[in-house]
Protein backbone atom coordinates (compact mmCIF):
# COMPACT_ATOMS: atom_id res chain seq x y z
CA UNK A 1 0.00 0.00 0.00
CA UNK A 2 2.96 2.33 0.43
CA UNK A 3 2.88 3.02 -3.31
CA UNK A 4 -0.74 4.17 -3.27
CA UNK A 5 -0.34 6.80 -0.53
CA UNK A 6 1.02 10.01 -2.01
CA UNK A 7 2.99 12.55 0.00
CA UNK A 8 4.17 15.82 -1.45
CA UNK A 9 7.78 16.77 -0.77
CA UNK A 10 6.54 19.50 1.59
CA UNK A 11 4.43 17.00 3.57
CA UNK A 12 7.32 14.53 3.74
CA UNK A 13 9.72 17.23 5.00
CA UNK A 14 7.18 18.48 7.53
CA UNK A 15 6.62 14.98 8.95
CA UNK A 16 10.36 14.26 9.13
CA UNK A 17 10.95 17.56 10.96
CA UNK A 18 8.07 16.81 13.33
CA UNK A 19 9.46 13.35 14.08
CA UNK A 20 12.94 14.77 14.68
CA UNK A 21 11.57 17.50 16.96
CA UNK A 22 9.69 14.89 19.03
CA UNK A 23 12.54 12.35 18.90
CA UNK A 24 10.29 9.70 17.34
CA UNK A 25 10.67 7.19 14.53
CA UNK A 26 7.02 6.77 13.54
CA UNK A 27 4.00 8.98 13.02
CA UNK A 28 0.75 6.99 12.97
CA UNK A 29 -2.32 7.99 10.96
CA UNK A 30 -5.65 6.35 11.77
CA UNK A 31 -9.27 6.88 10.76
CA UNK A 32 -11.23 6.81 14.01
CA UNK A 33 -14.95 7.11 14.59
CA UNK A 34 -15.94 10.66 15.47
CA UNK A 35 -15.83 14.15 14.11
CA UNK A 36 -18.78 15.87 12.53
CA UNK A 37 -18.77 13.66 9.40
CA UNK A 38 -18.39 10.18 10.96
CA UNK A 39 -14.63 9.53 10.92
CA UNK A 40 -11.74 11.74 11.88
CA UNK A 41 -8.06 11.64 11.02
CA UNK A 42 -6.06 10.85 14.14
CA UNK A 43 -2.30 11.49 14.25
CA UNK A 44 -0.02 10.17 17.00
CA UNK A 45 3.56 9.19 17.80
CA UNK A 46 3.42 5.54 18.90
CA UNK A 47 6.32 4.00 20.78
CA UNK A 48 5.30 0.55 19.52
CA UNK A 49 3.82 -0.30 16.14
CA UNK A 50 2.01 -3.29 14.68
CA UNK A 51 4.09 -5.01 12.02
CA UNK A 52 0.85 -5.64 10.07
CA UNK A 53 0.32 -1.89 9.61
CA UNK A 54 1.41 -0.21 6.38
CA UNK A 55 4.67 1.71 6.41
CA UNK A 56 5.42 4.64 4.12
CA UNK A 57 9.13 5.41 4.35
CA UNK A 58 9.81 9.11 4.80
CA UNK A 59 13.60 8.68 4.88
CA UNK A 60 16.09 6.00 5.93
CA UNK A 61 14.85 5.83 9.55
CA UNK A 62 11.49 7.64 9.74
CA UNK A 63 8.10 6.31 8.60
CA UNK A 64 4.47 7.26 8.30
CA UNK A 65 2.45 4.31 9.59
CA UNK A 66 -1.11 3.67 8.39
CA UNK A 67 -3.13 1.65 10.87
CA UNK A 68 -4.16 -1.64 9.25
CA UNK A 69 -7.78 -1.19 10.34
CA UNK A 70 -7.87 2.24 8.69
CA UNK A 71 -6.04 1.31 5.49
CA UNK A 72 -9.09 0.74 3.29
CA UNK A 73 -10.48 4.16 4.29
CA UNK A 74 -7.17 5.93 3.58
CA UNK A 75 -5.71 4.25 0.50
CA UNK A 76 -5.15 6.39 -2.59
CA UNK A 77 -5.11 9.54 -0.47
CA UNK A 78 -2.76 12.45 -1.03
CA UNK A 79 -1.16 14.34 1.85
CA UNK A 80 0.17 17.86 1.32
CA UNK A 81 1.58 20.50 3.67
CA UNK A 82 -0.06 23.85 3.07
CA UNK A 83 0.94 27.26 4.38
CA UNK A 84 -1.52 30.14 4.26
CA UNK A 85 -2.11 33.45 5.96
CA UNK A 86 -4.33 31.70 8.51
CA UNK A 87 -1.75 29.03 9.40
CA UNK A 88 -0.11 25.81 8.31
CA UNK A 89 -1.62 22.33 8.13
CA UNK A 90 -1.49 18.92 6.56
CA UNK A 91 -4.16 18.75 3.88
CA UNK A 92 -5.55 15.33 3.05
CA UNK A 93 -7.31 14.58 -0.20
CA UNK A 94 -9.10 11.28 0.33
CA UNK A 95 -10.93 9.81 -2.70
CA UNK A 96 -12.62 7.28 -0.39
CA UNK A 97 -14.49 10.03 1.44
CA UNK A 98 -18.04 10.59 0.24
CA UNK A 99 -18.28 13.81 2.24
CA UNK A 100 -16.11 15.95 4.50
CA UNK A 101 -16.76 18.53 7.17
CA UNK A 102 -16.00 22.19 6.63
CA UNK A 103 -12.68 22.07 8.46
CA UNK A 104 -11.46 19.01 6.53
CA UNK A 105 -10.59 17.04 9.66
CA UNK A 106 -13.40 14.50 9.39
CA UNK A 107 -15.02 12.52 6.60
CA UNK A 108 -17.61 9.84 5.85
PDB file of N, CA and C in Angstrom:
ATOM      1  N   UNK A   1       0.816  -1.193   0.000  1.00  0.00           N
ATOM      2  CA  UNK A   1       0.000   0.000   0.000  1.00  0.00           C
ATOM      3  C   UNK A   1       0.859   1.256   0.000  1.00  0.00           C
ATOM      4  N   UNK A   2       2.104   1.148   0.371  1.00  0.00           N
ATOM      5  CA  UNK A   2       2.956   2.328   0.433  1.00  0.00           C
ATOM      6  C   UNK A   2       2.981   3.070  -0.896  1.00  0.00           C
ATOM      7  N   UNK A   3       2.835   2.376  -2.007  1.00  0.00           N
ATOM      8  CA  UNK A   3       2.876   3.020  -3.308  1.00  0.00           C
ATOM      9  C   UNK A   3       1.578   3.747  -3.649  1.00  0.00           C
ATOM     10  N   UNK A   4       0.526   3.515  -2.935  1.00  0.00           N
ATOM     11  CA  UNK A   4      -0.739   4.171  -3.268  1.00  0.00           C
ATOM     12  C   UNK A   4      -1.106   5.286  -2.297  1.00  0.00           C
ATOM     13  N   UNK A   5      -0.213   5.611  -1.381  1.00  0.00           N
ATOM     14  CA  UNK A   5      -0.339   6.801  -0.531  1.00  0.00           C
ATOM     15  C   UNK A   5       0.636   7.815  -1.107  1.00  0.00           C
ATOM     16  N   UNK A   6       0.158   9.001  -1.424  1.00  0.00           N
ATOM     17  CA  UNK A   6       1.015  10.012  -2.009  1.00  0.00           C
ATOM     18  C   UNK A   6       1.290  11.113  -0.995  1.00  0.00           C
ATOM     19  N   UNK A   7       2.555  11.440  -0.855  1.00  0.00           N
ATOM     20  CA  UNK A   7       2.990  12.550   0.002  1.00  0.00           C
ATOM     21  C   UNK A   7       3.731  13.553  -0.868  1.00  0.00           C
ATOM     22  N   UNK A   8       3.378  14.821  -0.754  1.00  0.00           N
ATOM     23  CA  UNK A   8       4.171  15.821  -1.451  1.00  0.00           C
ATOM     24  C   UNK A   8       5.509  15.956  -0.731  1.00  0.00           C
ATOM     25  N   UNK A   9       6.483  16.551  -1.399  1.00  0.00           N
ATOM     26  CA  UNK A   9       7.784  16.773  -0.775  1.00  0.00           C
ATOM     27  C   UNK A   9       7.650  17.641   0.472  1.00  0.00           C
ATOM     28  N   UNK A  10       6.759  18.634   0.421  1.00  0.00           N
ATOM     29  CA  UNK A  10       6.544  19.502   1.589  1.00  0.00           C
ATOM     30  C   UNK A  10       5.975  18.709   2.764  1.00  0.00           C
ATOM     31  N   UNK A  11       5.026  17.817   2.501  1.00  0.00           N
ATOM     32  CA  UNK A  11       4.434  17.002   3.568  1.00  0.00           C
ATOM     33  C   UNK A  11       5.477  16.054   4.145  1.00  0.00           C
ATOM     34  N   UNK A  12       6.262  15.456   3.292  1.00  0.00           N
ATOM     35  CA  UNK A  12       7.318  14.532   3.740  1.00  0.00           C
ATOM     36  C   UNK A  12       8.319  15.275   4.641  1.00  0.00           C
ATOM     37  N   UNK A  13       8.774  16.432   4.211  1.00  0.00           N
ATOM     38  CA  UNK A  13       9.716  17.227   5.003  1.00  0.00           C
ATOM     39  C   UNK A  13       9.110  17.649   6.331  1.00  0.00           C
ATOM     40  N   UNK A  14       7.853  18.073   6.307  1.00  0.00           N
ATOM     41  CA  UNK A  14       7.178  18.479   7.535  1.00  0.00           C
ATOM     42  C   UNK A  14       7.116  17.325   8.532  1.00  0.00           C
ATOM     43  N   UNK A  15       6.723  16.139   8.058  1.00  0.00           N
ATOM     44  CA  UNK A  15       6.616  14.982   8.952  1.00  0.00           C
ATOM     45  C   UNK A  15       7.984  14.567   9.499  1.00  0.00           C
ATOM     46  N   UNK A  16       9.003  14.589   8.665  1.00  0.00           N
ATOM     47  CA  UNK A  16      10.362  14.260   9.131  1.00  0.00           C
ATOM     48  C   UNK A  16      10.799  15.252  10.208  1.00  0.00           C
ATOM     49  N   UNK A  17      10.582  16.543   9.967  1.00  0.00           N
ATOM     50  CA  UNK A  17      10.954  17.558  10.960  1.00  0.00           C
ATOM     51  C   UNK A  17      10.181  17.378  12.259  1.00  0.00           C
ATOM     52  N   UNK A  18       8.898  17.046  12.148  1.00  0.00           N
ATOM     53  CA  UNK A  18       8.068  16.814  13.330  1.00  0.00           C
ATOM     54  C   UNK A  18       8.570  15.606  14.125  1.00  0.00           C
ATOM     55  N   UNK A  19       8.922  14.538  13.419  1.00  0.00           N
ATOM     56  CA  UNK A  19       9.459  13.349  14.085  1.00  0.00           C
ATOM     57  C   UNK A  19      10.795  13.662  14.756  1.00  0.00           C
ATOM     58  N   UNK A  20      11.650  14.400  14.077  1.00  0.00           N
ATOM     59  CA  UNK A  20      12.939  14.774  14.676  1.00  0.00           C
ATOM     60  C   UNK A  20      12.732  15.626  15.921  1.00  0.00           C
ATOM     61  N   UNK A  21      11.841  16.598  15.837  1.00  0.00           N
ATOM     62  CA  UNK A  21      11.566  17.499  16.960  1.00  0.00           C
ATOM     63  C   UNK A  21      11.056  16.735  18.184  1.00  0.00           C
ATOM     64  N   UNK A  22      10.262  15.678  17.942  1.00  0.00           N
ATOM     65  CA  UNK A  22       9.690  14.887  19.030  1.00  0.00           C
ATOM     66  C   UNK A  22      10.495  13.640  19.350  1.00  0.00           C
ATOM     67  N   UNK A  23      11.652  13.495  18.682  1.00  0.00           N
ATOM     68  CA  UNK A  23      12.540  12.352  18.902  1.00  0.00           C
ATOM     69  C   UNK A  23      11.802  11.021  18.735  1.00  0.00           C
ATOM     70  N   UNK A  24      11.068  10.902  17.633  1.00  0.00           N
ATOM     71  CA  UNK A  24      10.287   9.699  17.342  1.00  0.00           C
ATOM     72  C   UNK A  24      10.690   9.136  15.979  1.00  0.00           C
ATOM     73  N   UNK A  25      10.390   7.858  15.791  1.00  0.00           N
ATOM     74  CA  UNK A  25      10.674   7.195  14.525  1.00  0.00           C
ATOM     75  C   UNK A  25       9.431   7.081  13.651  1.00  0.00           C
ATOM     76  N   UNK A  26       8.267   7.008  14.279  1.00  0.00           N
ATOM     77  CA  UNK A  26       7.021   6.775  13.543  1.00  0.00           C
ATOM     78  C   UNK A  26       5.976   7.840  13.853  1.00  0.00           C
ATOM     79  N   UNK A  27       5.227   8.213  12.828  1.00  0.00           N
ATOM     80  CA  UNK A  27       4.000   8.976  13.017  1.00  0.00           C
ATOM     81  C   UNK A  27       2.880   8.080  12.480  1.00  0.00           C
ATOM     82  N   UNK A  28       1.846   7.895  13.294  1.00  0.00           N
ATOM     83  CA  UNK A  28       0.749   6.985  12.967  1.00  0.00           C
ATOM     84  C   UNK A  28      -0.465   7.787  12.534  1.00  0.00           C
ATOM     85  N   UNK A  29      -1.078   7.390  11.429  1.00  0.00           N
ATOM     86  CA  UNK A  29      -2.324   7.988  10.957  1.00  0.00           C
ATOM     87  C   UNK A  29      -3.408   6.924  10.995  1.00  0.00           C
ATOM     88  N   UNK A  30      -4.509   7.261  11.668  1.00  0.00           N
ATOM     89  CA  UNK A  30      -5.652   6.355  11.766  1.00  0.00           C
ATOM     90  C   UNK A  30      -6.924   7.102  11.372  1.00  0.00           C
ATOM     91  N   UNK A  31      -7.920   6.357  10.952  1.00  0.00           N
ATOM     92  CA  UNK A  31      -9.269   6.880  10.764  1.00  0.00           C
ATOM     93  C   UNK A  31     -10.081   6.338  11.925  1.00  0.00           C
ATOM     94  N   UNK A  32     -10.474   7.224  12.834  1.00  0.00           N
ATOM     95  CA  UNK A  32     -11.234   6.812  14.011  1.00  0.00           C
ATOM     96  C   UNK A  32     -12.648   7.353  13.923  1.00  0.00           C
ATOM     97  N   UNK A  33     -13.576   6.632  14.535  1.00  0.00           N
ATOM     98  CA  UNK A  33     -14.945   7.109  14.595  1.00  0.00           C
ATOM     99  C   UNK A  33     -15.016   8.425  15.343  1.00  0.00           C
ATOM    100  N   UNK A  34     -15.799   9.363  14.809  1.00  0.00           N
ATOM    101  CA  UNK A  34     -15.943  10.659  15.467  1.00  0.00           C
ATOM    102  C   UNK A  34     -15.906  11.785  14.468  1.00  0.00           C
ATOM    103  N   UNK A  35     -15.814  12.979  14.976  1.00  0.00           N
ATOM    104  CA  UNK A  35     -15.829  14.150  14.110  1.00  0.00           C
ATOM    105  C   UNK A  35     -17.241  14.411  13.634  1.00  0.00           C
ATOM    106  N   UNK A  36     -17.427  15.509  12.940  1.00  0.00           N
ATOM    107  CA  UNK A  36     -18.785  15.870  12.526  1.00  0.00           C
ATOM    108  C   UNK A  36     -19.254  15.121  11.279  1.00  0.00           C
ATOM    109  N   UNK A  37     -18.370  14.375  10.615  1.00  0.00           N
ATOM    110  CA  UNK A  37     -18.771  13.659   9.404  1.00  0.00           C
ATOM    111  C   UNK A  37     -18.735  12.135   9.568  1.00  0.00           C
ATOM    112  N   UNK A  38     -18.374  11.625  10.738  1.00  0.00           N
ATOM    113  CA  UNK A  38     -18.391  10.175  10.960  1.00  0.00           C
ATOM    114  C   UNK A  38     -17.052   9.583  11.328  1.00  0.00           C
ATOM    115  N   UNK A  39     -15.985   9.979  10.615  1.00  0.00           N
ATOM    116  CA  UNK A  39     -14.626   9.529  10.916  1.00  0.00           C
ATOM    117  C   UNK A  39     -13.737  10.755  10.996  1.00  0.00           C
ATOM    118  N   UNK A  40     -12.704  10.658  11.814  1.00  0.00           N
ATOM    119  CA  UNK A  40     -11.742  11.744  11.884  1.00  0.00           C
ATOM    120  C   UNK A  40     -10.339  11.187  11.710  1.00  0.00           C
ATOM    121  N   UNK A  41      -9.465  12.009  11.159  1.00  0.00           N
ATOM    122  CA  UNK A  41      -8.064  11.645  11.018  1.00  0.00           C
ATOM    123  C   UNK A  41      -7.402  11.829  12.379  1.00  0.00           C
ATOM    124  N   UNK A  42      -6.700  10.805  12.828  1.00  0.00           N
ATOM    125  CA  UNK A  42      -6.058  10.849  14.137  1.00  0.00           C
ATOM    126  C   UNK A  42      -4.565  10.605  13.956  1.00  0.00           C
ATOM    127  N   UNK A  43      -3.750  11.570  14.342  1.00  0.00           N
ATOM    128  CA  UNK A  43      -2.298  11.488  14.245  1.00  0.00           C
ATOM    129  C   UNK A  43      -1.714  11.248  15.628  1.00  0.00           C
ATOM    130  N   UNK A  44      -0.694  10.401  15.722  1.00  0.00           N
ATOM    131  CA  UNK A  44      -0.020  10.175  17.001  1.00  0.00           C
ATOM    132  C   UNK A  44       1.412   9.698  16.755  1.00  0.00           C
ATOM    133  N   UNK A  45       2.180   9.674  17.833  1.00  0.00           N
ATOM    134  CA  UNK A  45       3.558   9.186  17.804  1.00  0.00           C
ATOM    135  C   UNK A  45       3.640   7.933  18.663  1.00  0.00           C
ATOM    136  N   UNK A  46       3.396   6.764  18.092  1.00  0.00           N
ATOM    137  CA  UNK A  46       3.424   5.536  18.899  1.00  0.00           C
ATOM    138  C   UNK A  46       4.859   5.124  19.239  1.00  0.00           C
ATOM    139  N   UNK A  47       5.021   4.561  20.416  1.00  0.00           N
ATOM    140  CA  UNK A  47       6.318   4.004  20.778  1.00  0.00           C
ATOM    141  C   UNK A  47       6.456   2.587  20.223  1.00  0.00           C
ATOM    142  N   UNK A  48       5.313   1.897  20.102  1.00  0.00           N
ATOM    143  CA  UNK A  48       5.296   0.555  19.524  1.00  0.00           C
ATOM    144  C   UNK A  48       4.336   0.551  18.350  1.00  0.00           C
ATOM    145  N   UNK A  49       4.657  -0.226  17.334  1.00  0.00           N
ATOM    146  CA  UNK A  49       3.819  -0.303  16.143  1.00  0.00           C
ATOM    147  C   UNK A  49       3.490  -1.766  15.841  1.00  0.00           C
ATOM    148  N   UNK A  50       2.435  -1.956  15.104  1.00  0.00           N
ATOM    149  CA  UNK A  50       2.009  -3.288  14.685  1.00  0.00           C
ATOM    150  C   UNK A  50       2.665  -3.586  13.341  1.00  0.00           C
ATOM    151  N   UNK A  51       3.380  -4.658  13.256  1.00  0.00           N
ATOM    152  CA  UNK A  51       4.091  -5.015  12.022  1.00  0.00           C
ATOM    153  C   UNK A  51       3.131  -5.263  10.851  1.00  0.00           C
ATOM    154  N   UNK A  52       1.834  -5.431  11.138  1.00  0.00           N
ATOM    155  CA  UNK A  52       0.850  -5.639  10.074  1.00  0.00           C
ATOM    156  C   UNK A  52       0.315  -4.314   9.523  1.00  0.00           C
ATOM    157  N   UNK A  53       0.697  -3.194  10.138  1.00  0.00           N
ATOM    158  CA  UNK A  53       0.318  -1.889   9.613  1.00  0.00           C
ATOM    159  C   UNK A  53       1.110  -1.621   8.334  1.00  0.00           C
ATOM    160  N   UNK A  54       0.719  -0.593   7.616  1.00  0.00           N
ATOM    161  CA  UNK A  54       1.405  -0.209   6.385  1.00  0.00           C
ATOM    162  C   UNK A  54       2.405   0.893   6.688  1.00  0.00           C
ATOM    163  N   UNK A  55       3.602   0.753   6.165  1.00  0.00           N
ATOM    164  CA  UNK A  55       4.671   1.711   6.412  1.00  0.00           C
ATOM    165  C   UNK A  55       4.993   2.467   5.125  1.00  0.00           C
ATOM    166  N   UNK A  56       5.011   3.774   5.223  1.00  0.00           N
ATOM    167  CA  UNK A  56       5.420   4.635   4.118  1.00  0.00           C
ATOM    168  C   UNK A  56       6.722   5.287   4.568  1.00  0.00           C
ATOM    169  N   UNK A  57       7.828   4.880   3.955  1.00  0.00           N
ATOM    170  CA  UNK A  57       9.133   5.412   4.350  1.00  0.00           C
ATOM    171  C   UNK A  57       9.219   6.894   4.012  1.00  0.00           C
ATOM    172  N   UNK A  58       9.608   7.674   5.012  1.00  0.00           N
ATOM    173  CA  UNK A  58       9.814   9.105   4.800  1.00  0.00           C
ATOM    174  C   UNK A  58      11.280   9.392   4.487  1.00  0.00           C
ATOM    175  N   UNK A  59      12.165   8.670   5.158  1.00  0.00           N
ATOM    176  CA  UNK A  59      13.601   8.680   4.879  1.00  0.00           C
ATOM    177  C   UNK A  59      14.172   7.368   5.395  1.00  0.00           C
ATOM    178  N   UNK A  60      15.476   7.285   5.568  1.00  0.00           N
ATOM    179  CA  UNK A  60      16.091   6.003   5.933  1.00  0.00           C
ATOM    180  C   UNK A  60      15.666   5.471   7.295  1.00  0.00           C
ATOM    181  N   UNK A  61      15.227   6.345   8.223  1.00  0.00           N
ATOM    182  CA  UNK A  61      14.854   5.829   9.547  1.00  0.00           C
ATOM    183  C   UNK A  61      13.565   6.421  10.122  1.00  0.00           C
ATOM    184  N   UNK A  62      12.767   7.068   9.303  1.00  0.00           N
ATOM    185  CA  UNK A  62      11.486   7.639   9.741  1.00  0.00           C
ATOM    186  C   UNK A  62      10.386   7.131   8.816  1.00  0.00           C
ATOM    187  N   UNK A  63       9.203   6.842   9.406  1.00  0.00           N
ATOM    188  CA  UNK A  63       8.099   6.307   8.600  1.00  0.00           C
ATOM    189  C   UNK A  63       6.755   6.868   9.033  1.00  0.00           C
ATOM    190  N   UNK A  64       5.890   7.026   8.054  1.00  0.00           N
ATOM    191  CA  UNK A  64       4.472   7.262   8.295  1.00  0.00           C
ATOM    192  C   UNK A  64       3.847   5.879   8.355  1.00  0.00           C
ATOM    193  N   UNK A  65       3.081   5.615   9.410  1.00  0.00           N
ATOM    194  CA  UNK A  65       2.446   4.309   9.585  1.00  0.00           C
ATOM    195  C   UNK A  65       0.942   4.491   9.433  1.00  0.00           C
ATOM    196  N   UNK A  66       0.341   3.671   8.580  1.00  0.00           N
ATOM    197  CA  UNK A  66      -1.108   3.672   8.385  1.00  0.00           C
ATOM    198  C   UNK A  66      -1.663   2.458   9.109  1.00  0.00           C
ATOM    199  N   UNK A  67      -2.496   2.716  10.090  1.00  0.00           N
ATOM    200  CA  UNK A  67      -3.129   1.655  10.867  1.00  0.00           C
ATOM    201  C   UNK A  67      -3.831   0.665   9.934  1.00  0.00           C
ATOM    202  N   UNK A  68      -3.606  -0.623  10.156  1.00  0.00           N
ATOM    203  CA  UNK A  68      -4.160  -1.642   9.249  1.00  0.00           C
ATOM    204  C   UNK A  68      -5.687  -1.634   9.216  1.00  0.00           C
ATOM    205  N   UNK A  69      -6.323  -1.232  10.306  1.00  0.00           N
ATOM    206  CA  UNK A  69      -7.781  -1.192  10.336  1.00  0.00           C
ATOM    207  C   UNK A  69      -8.329   0.029   9.592  1.00  0.00           C
ATOM    208  N   UNK A  70      -7.474   1.016   9.384  1.00  0.00           N
ATOM    209  CA  UNK A  70      -7.874   2.240   8.688  1.00  0.00           C
ATOM    210  C   UNK A  70      -7.479   2.234   7.218  1.00  0.00           C
ATOM    211  N   UNK A  71      -6.661   1.285   6.825  1.00  0.00           N
ATOM    212  CA  UNK A  71      -6.044   1.314   5.494  1.00  0.00           C
ATOM    213  C   UNK A  71      -7.053   1.439   4.359  1.00  0.00           C
ATOM    214  N   UNK A  72      -8.140   0.693   4.403  1.00  0.00           N
ATOM    215  CA  UNK A  72      -9.088   0.745   3.288  1.00  0.00           C
ATOM    216  C   UNK A  72      -9.795   2.091   3.203  1.00  0.00           C
ATOM    217  N   UNK A  73      -9.861   2.834   4.307  1.00  0.00           N
ATOM    218  CA  UNK A  73     -10.477   4.165   4.291  1.00  0.00           C
ATOM    219  C   UNK A  73      -9.498   5.236   3.819  1.00  0.00           C
ATOM    220  N   UNK A  74      -8.190   4.925   3.856  1.00  0.00           N
ATOM    221  CA  UNK A  74      -7.173   5.928   3.578  1.00  0.00           C
ATOM    222  C   UNK A  74      -6.372   5.685   2.305  1.00  0.00           C
ATOM    223  N   UNK A  75      -6.524   4.515   1.684  1.00  0.00           N
ATOM    224  CA  UNK A  75      -5.712   4.248   0.501  1.00  0.00           C
ATOM    225  C   UNK A  75      -6.079   5.182  -0.645  1.00  0.00           C
ATOM    226  N   UNK A  76      -5.083   5.471  -1.449  1.00  0.00           N
ATOM    227  CA  UNK A  76      -5.151   6.391  -2.590  1.00  0.00           C
ATOM    228  C   UNK A  76      -5.220   7.855  -2.178  1.00  0.00           C
ATOM    229  N   UNK A  77      -5.041   8.147  -0.899  1.00  0.00           N
ATOM    230  CA  UNK A  77      -5.107   9.540  -0.470  1.00  0.00           C
ATOM    231  C   UNK A  77      -3.812  10.269  -0.792  1.00  0.00           C
ATOM    232  N   UNK A  78      -3.917  11.584  -0.826  1.00  0.00           N
ATOM    233  CA  UNK A  78      -2.763  12.453  -1.028  1.00  0.00           C
ATOM    234  C   UNK A  78      -2.640  13.347   0.198  1.00  0.00           C
ATOM    235  N   UNK A  79      -1.418  13.482   0.710  1.00  0.00           N
ATOM    236  CA  UNK A  79      -1.159  14.338   1.853  1.00  0.00           C
ATOM    237  C   UNK A  79      -0.214  15.452   1.412  1.00  0.00           C
ATOM    238  N   UNK A  80      -0.629  16.689   1.660  1.00  0.00           N
ATOM    239  CA  UNK A  80       0.171  17.860   1.315  1.00  0.00           C
ATOM    240  C   UNK A  80       0.323  18.722   2.561  1.00  0.00           C
ATOM    241  N   UNK A  81       1.375  19.517   2.600  1.00  0.00           N
ATOM    242  CA  UNK A  81       1.582  20.495   3.665  1.00  0.00           C
ATOM    243  C   UNK A  81       1.326  21.857   3.056  1.00  0.00           C
ATOM    244  N   UNK A  82       0.386  22.592   3.635  1.00  0.00           N
ATOM    245  CA  UNK A  82      -0.057  23.848   3.066  1.00  0.00           C
ATOM    246  C   UNK A  82       0.172  24.983   4.061  1.00  0.00           C
ATOM    247  N   UNK A  83       0.754  26.054   3.577  1.00  0.00           N
ATOM    248  CA  UNK A  83       0.939  27.257   4.376  1.00  0.00           C
ATOM    249  C   UNK A  83       0.051  28.350   3.806  1.00  0.00           C
ATOM    250  N   UNK A  84      -0.669  29.033   4.699  1.00  0.00           N
ATOM    251  CA  UNK A  84      -1.518  30.139   4.260  1.00  0.00           C
ATOM    252  C   UNK A  84      -1.448  31.246   5.302  1.00  0.00           C
ATOM    253  N   UNK A  85      -2.104  32.324   5.035  1.00  0.00           N
ATOM    254  CA  UNK A  85      -2.106  33.450   5.956  1.00  0.00           C
ATOM    255  C   UNK A  85      -2.746  33.083   7.292  1.00  0.00           C
ATOM    256  N   UNK A  86      -3.643  32.105   7.272  1.00  0.00           N
ATOM    257  CA  UNK A  86      -4.328  31.703   8.506  1.00  0.00           C
ATOM    258  C   UNK A  86      -3.609  30.580   9.252  1.00  0.00           C
ATOM    259  N   UNK A  87      -2.508  30.063   8.711  1.00  0.00           N
ATOM    260  CA  UNK A  87      -1.752  29.030   9.401  1.00  0.00           C
ATOM    261  C   UNK A  87      -1.233  27.957   8.463  1.00  0.00           C
ATOM    262  N   UNK A  88      -0.686  26.931   9.054  1.00  0.00           N
ATOM    263  CA  UNK A  88      -0.114  25.807   8.315  1.00  0.00           C
ATOM    264  C   UNK A  88      -0.831  24.527   8.730  1.00  0.00           C
ATOM    265  N   UNK A  89      -0.965  23.593   7.784  1.00  0.00           N
ATOM    266  CA  UNK A  89      -1.622  22.334   8.128  1.00  0.00           C
ATOM    267  C   UNK A  89      -1.301  21.266   7.095  1.00  0.00           C
ATOM    268  N   UNK A  90      -1.534  20.033   7.504  1.00  0.00           N
ATOM    269  CA  UNK A  90      -1.495  18.924   6.558  1.00  0.00           C
ATOM    270  C   UNK A  90      -2.873  18.856   5.916  1.00  0.00           C
ATOM    271  N   UNK A  91      -2.898  18.815   4.609  1.00  0.00           N
ATOM    272  CA  UNK A  91      -4.159  18.754   3.876  1.00  0.00           C
ATOM    273  C   UNK A  91      -4.268  17.370   3.233  1.00  0.00           C
ATOM    274  N   UNK A  92      -5.342  16.682   3.557  1.00  0.00           N
ATOM    275  CA  UNK A  92      -5.553  15.327   3.052  1.00  0.00           C
ATOM    276  C   UNK A  92      -6.639  15.347   1.995  1.00  0.00           C
ATOM    277  N   UNK A  93      -6.328  14.795   0.842  1.00  0.00           N
ATOM    278  CA  UNK A  93      -7.315  14.581  -0.202  1.00  0.00           C
ATOM    279  C   UNK A  93      -7.569  13.082  -0.234  1.00  0.00           C
ATOM    280  N   UNK A  94      -8.767  12.693   0.175  1.00  0.00           N
ATOM    281  CA  UNK A  94      -9.099  11.275   0.325  1.00  0.00           C
ATOM    282  C   UNK A  94     -10.214  10.911  -0.648  1.00  0.00           C
ATOM    283  N   UNK A  95      -9.901  10.173  -1.720  1.00  0.00           N
ATOM    284  CA  UNK A  95     -10.927   9.809  -2.698  1.00  0.00           C
ATOM    285  C   UNK A  95     -11.949   8.804  -2.168  1.00  0.00           C
ATOM    286  N   UNK A  96     -11.676   8.215  -1.003  1.00  0.00           N
ATOM    287  CA  UNK A  96     -12.618   7.275  -0.394  1.00  0.00           C
ATOM    288  C   UNK A  96     -13.711   7.989   0.393  1.00  0.00           C
ATOM    289  N   UNK A  97     -13.519   9.256   0.657  1.00  0.00           N
ATOM    290  CA  UNK A  97     -14.487  10.031   1.439  1.00  0.00           C
ATOM    291  C   UNK A  97     -15.642  10.447   0.535  1.00  0.00           C
ATOM    292  N   UNK A  98     -16.855  10.161   0.991  1.00  0.00           N
ATOM    293  CA  UNK A  98     -18.044  10.591   0.237  1.00  0.00           C
ATOM    294  C   UNK A  98     -18.476  11.985   0.623  1.00  0.00           C
ATOM    295  N   UNK A  99     -18.048  12.428   1.818  1.00  0.00           N
ATOM    296  CA  UNK A  99     -18.282  13.814   2.244  1.00  0.00           C
ATOM    297  C   UNK A  99     -17.257  14.166   3.305  1.00  0.00           C
ATOM    298  N   UNK A 100     -17.041  15.463   3.482  1.00  0.00           N
ATOM    299  CA  UNK A 100     -16.112  15.955   4.504  1.00  0.00           C
ATOM    300  C   UNK A 100     -16.790  17.096   5.257  1.00  0.00           C
ATOM    301  N   UNK A 101     -16.246  17.385   6.415  1.00  0.00           N
ATOM    302  CA  UNK A 101     -16.757  18.534   7.175  1.00  0.00           C
ATOM    303  C   UNK A 101     -16.092  19.793   6.642  1.00  0.00           C
ATOM    304  N   UNK A 102     -16.543  20.921   7.087  1.00  0.00           N
ATOM    305  CA  UNK A 102     -16.005  22.194   6.629  1.00  0.00           C
ATOM    306  C   UNK A 102     -14.537  22.403   6.947  1.00  0.00           C
ATOM    307  N   UNK A 103     -14.073  21.864   8.073  1.00  0.00           N
ATOM    308  CA  UNK A 103     -12.681  22.072   8.460  1.00  0.00           C
ATOM    309  C   UNK A 103     -11.744  21.049   7.808  1.00  0.00           C
ATOM    310  N   UNK A 104     -12.283  20.006   7.205  1.00  0.00           N
ATOM    311  CA  UNK A 104     -11.460  19.015   6.535  1.00  0.00           C
ATOM    312  C   UNK A 104     -10.831  17.982   7.437  1.00  0.00           C
ATOM    313  N   UNK A 105     -11.187  17.980   8.713  1.00  0.00           N
ATOM    314  CA  UNK A 105     -10.594  17.040   9.658  1.00  0.00           C
ATOM    315  C   UNK A 105     -11.417  15.770   9.848  1.00  0.00           C
ATOM    316  N   UNK A 106     -12.615  15.729   9.294  1.00  0.00           N
ATOM    317  CA  UNK A 106     -13.401  14.504   9.390  1.00  0.00           C
ATOM    318  C   UNK A 106     -14.065  14.222   8.051  1.00  0.00           C
ATOM    319  N   UNK A 107     -14.470  12.958   7.883  1.00  0.00           N
ATOM    320  CA  UNK A 107     -15.025  12.518   6.604  1.00  0.00           C
ATOM    321  C   UNK A 107     -15.989  11.354   6.832  1.00  0.00           C
ATOM    322  N   UNK A 108     -16.757  11.036   5.805  1.00  0.00           N
ATOM    323  CA  UNK A 108     -17.608   9.841   5.848  1.00  0.00           C
ATOM    324  C   UNK A 108     -17.403   9.037   4.591  1.00  0.00           C
TER     325      UNK A 108
END
